[in-house]
Protein backbone atom coordinates (compact mmCIF):
# COMPACT_ATOMS: atom_id res chain seq x y z
CA UNK A 1 0.00 0.00 0.00
CA UNK A 2 1.82 3.07 -1.24
CA UNK A 3 1.10 6.55 0.04
CA UNK A 4 3.08 8.54 -2.51
CA UNK A 5 6.51 9.17 -3.96
CA UNK A 6 8.16 9.47 -0.52
CA UNK A 7 6.93 6.06 0.55
CA UNK A 8 9.96 5.35 2.76
CA UNK A 9 10.11 8.76 4.44
CA UNK A 10 8.23 9.26 7.69
CA UNK A 11 5.43 11.76 7.23
CA UNK A 12 4.07 14.06 9.90
CA UNK A 13 0.98 12.48 11.39
CA UNK A 14 -2.09 14.20 12.77
CA UNK A 15 -3.40 17.71 12.58
CA UNK A 16 -1.60 20.64 14.13
CA UNK A 17 -4.05 22.96 15.87
CA UNK A 18 -3.65 26.67 16.29
CA UNK A 19 -3.56 27.94 19.89
CA UNK A 20 -7.12 29.25 19.50
CA UNK A 21 -8.36 25.87 18.28
CA UNK A 22 -6.56 24.05 21.10
CA UNK A 23 -8.09 26.41 23.66
CA UNK A 24 -11.54 25.94 22.14
CA UNK A 25 -11.14 22.14 22.14
CA UNK A 26 -10.06 22.15 25.79
CA UNK A 27 -13.03 24.32 26.81
CA UNK A 28 -15.42 22.06 24.89
CA UNK A 29 -13.92 18.93 26.49
CA UNK A 30 -14.27 20.45 29.96
CA UNK A 31 -17.90 21.39 29.24
CA UNK A 32 -18.66 17.85 28.05
CA UNK A 33 -16.96 16.38 31.12
CA UNK A 34 -18.98 18.60 33.47
CA UNK A 35 -22.22 17.72 31.64
CA UNK A 36 -21.49 13.97 31.90
CA UNK A 37 -20.62 14.29 35.60
CA UNK A 38 -23.87 16.17 36.27
CA UNK A 39 -25.84 13.55 34.33
CA UNK A 40 -24.27 10.74 36.40
CA UNK A 41 -24.96 12.64 39.64
CA UNK A 42 -28.58 13.18 38.57
CA UNK A 43 -29.05 9.44 37.98
CA UNK A 44 -27.41 8.66 41.32
CA UNK A 45 -29.65 11.01 43.31
CA UNK A 46 -32.81 9.98 41.48
CA UNK A 47 -31.99 6.34 42.24
CA UNK A 48 -31.43 7.12 45.94
CA UNK A 49 -34.72 9.06 46.14
CA UNK A 50 -36.68 6.30 44.39
CA UNK A 51 -35.26 3.59 46.63
CA UNK A 52 -35.91 5.70 49.73
CA UNK A 53 -36.13 3.63 52.88
CA UNK A 54 -35.80 0.34 51.03
CA UNK A 55 -32.01 0.66 51.12
CA UNK A 56 -31.80 -0.07 54.86
CA UNK A 57 -32.41 -3.71 55.75
CA UNK A 58 -35.53 -4.19 57.93
CA UNK A 59 -34.18 -7.18 59.86
CA UNK A 60 -32.36 -5.15 62.52
C-alpha atoms as a PDB file:
ATOM      1  CA  UNK A   1       0.000   0.000   0.000  1.00  0.00           C
ATOM      2  CA  UNK A   2       1.819   3.075  -1.245  1.00  0.00           C
ATOM      3  CA  UNK A   3       1.103   6.554   0.043  1.00  0.00           C
ATOM      4  CA  UNK A   4       3.075   8.544  -2.506  1.00  0.00           C
ATOM      5  CA  UNK A   5       6.511   9.166  -3.960  1.00  0.00           C
ATOM      6  CA  UNK A   6       8.155   9.471  -0.516  1.00  0.00           C
ATOM      7  CA  UNK A   7       6.930   6.062   0.551  1.00  0.00           C
ATOM      8  CA  UNK A   8       9.965   5.345   2.761  1.00  0.00           C
ATOM      9  CA  UNK A   9      10.111   8.762   4.436  1.00  0.00           C
ATOM     10  CA  UNK A  10       8.232   9.263   7.686  1.00  0.00           C
ATOM     11  CA  UNK A  11       5.429  11.763   7.225  1.00  0.00           C
ATOM     12  CA  UNK A  12       4.071  14.061   9.903  1.00  0.00           C
ATOM     13  CA  UNK A  13       0.982  12.480  11.390  1.00  0.00           C
ATOM     14  CA  UNK A  14      -2.087  14.197  12.766  1.00  0.00           C
ATOM     15  CA  UNK A  15      -3.404  17.705  12.585  1.00  0.00           C
ATOM     16  CA  UNK A  16      -1.602  20.638  14.133  1.00  0.00           C
ATOM     17  CA  UNK A  17      -4.050  22.962  15.870  1.00  0.00           C
ATOM     18  CA  UNK A  18      -3.645  26.675  16.287  1.00  0.00           C
ATOM     19  CA  UNK A  19      -3.555  27.938  19.889  1.00  0.00           C
ATOM     20  CA  UNK A  20      -7.123  29.254  19.497  1.00  0.00           C
ATOM     21  CA  UNK A  21      -8.357  25.873  18.277  1.00  0.00           C
ATOM     22  CA  UNK A  22      -6.562  24.054  21.096  1.00  0.00           C
ATOM     23  CA  UNK A  23      -8.086  26.414  23.658  1.00  0.00           C
ATOM     24  CA  UNK A  24     -11.539  25.937  22.137  1.00  0.00           C
ATOM     25  CA  UNK A  25     -11.139  22.145  22.139  1.00  0.00           C
ATOM     26  CA  UNK A  26     -10.064  22.155  25.790  1.00  0.00           C
ATOM     27  CA  UNK A  27     -13.034  24.325  26.808  1.00  0.00           C
ATOM     28  CA  UNK A  28     -15.419  22.058  24.885  1.00  0.00           C
ATOM     29  CA  UNK A  29     -13.923  18.935  26.489  1.00  0.00           C
ATOM     30  CA  UNK A  30     -14.274  20.453  29.956  1.00  0.00           C
ATOM     31  CA  UNK A  31     -17.898  21.386  29.243  1.00  0.00           C
ATOM     32  CA  UNK A  32     -18.663  17.851  28.045  1.00  0.00           C
ATOM     33  CA  UNK A  33     -16.959  16.383  31.118  1.00  0.00           C
ATOM     34  CA  UNK A  34     -18.982  18.600  33.466  1.00  0.00           C
ATOM     35  CA  UNK A  35     -22.215  17.719  31.637  1.00  0.00           C
ATOM     36  CA  UNK A  36     -21.493  13.970  31.896  1.00  0.00           C
ATOM     37  CA  UNK A  37     -20.621  14.292  35.604  1.00  0.00           C
ATOM     38  CA  UNK A  38     -23.874  16.173  36.272  1.00  0.00           C
ATOM     39  CA  UNK A  39     -25.841  13.552  34.334  1.00  0.00           C
ATOM     40  CA  UNK A  40     -24.273  10.744  36.399  1.00  0.00           C
ATOM     41  CA  UNK A  41     -24.962  12.641  39.641  1.00  0.00           C
ATOM     42  CA  UNK A  42     -28.579  13.175  38.571  1.00  0.00           C
ATOM     43  CA  UNK A  43     -29.049   9.435  37.979  1.00  0.00           C
ATOM     44  CA  UNK A  44     -27.414   8.656  41.319  1.00  0.00           C
ATOM     45  CA  UNK A  45     -29.645  11.010  43.307  1.00  0.00           C
ATOM     46  CA  UNK A  46     -32.814   9.981  41.477  1.00  0.00           C
ATOM     47  CA  UNK A  47     -31.993   6.344  42.242  1.00  0.00           C
ATOM     48  CA  UNK A  48     -31.434   7.121  45.938  1.00  0.00           C
ATOM     49  CA  UNK A  49     -34.716   9.058  46.138  1.00  0.00           C
ATOM     50  CA  UNK A  50     -36.684   6.303  44.390  1.00  0.00           C
ATOM     51  CA  UNK A  51     -35.257   3.585  46.633  1.00  0.00           C
ATOM     52  CA  UNK A  52     -35.914   5.699  49.731  1.00  0.00           C
ATOM     53  CA  UNK A  53     -36.134   3.633  52.879  1.00  0.00           C
ATOM     54  CA  UNK A  54     -35.800   0.342  51.027  1.00  0.00           C
ATOM     55  CA  UNK A  55     -32.015   0.661  51.118  1.00  0.00           C
ATOM     56  CA  UNK A  56     -31.805  -0.070  54.860  1.00  0.00           C
ATOM     57  CA  UNK A  57     -32.414  -3.711  55.754  1.00  0.00           C
ATOM     58  CA  UNK A  58     -35.528  -4.191  57.925  1.00  0.00           C
ATOM     59  CA  UNK A  59     -34.183  -7.178  59.865  1.00  0.00           C
ATOM     60  CA  UNK A  60     -32.360  -5.146  62.522  1.00  0.00           C
END
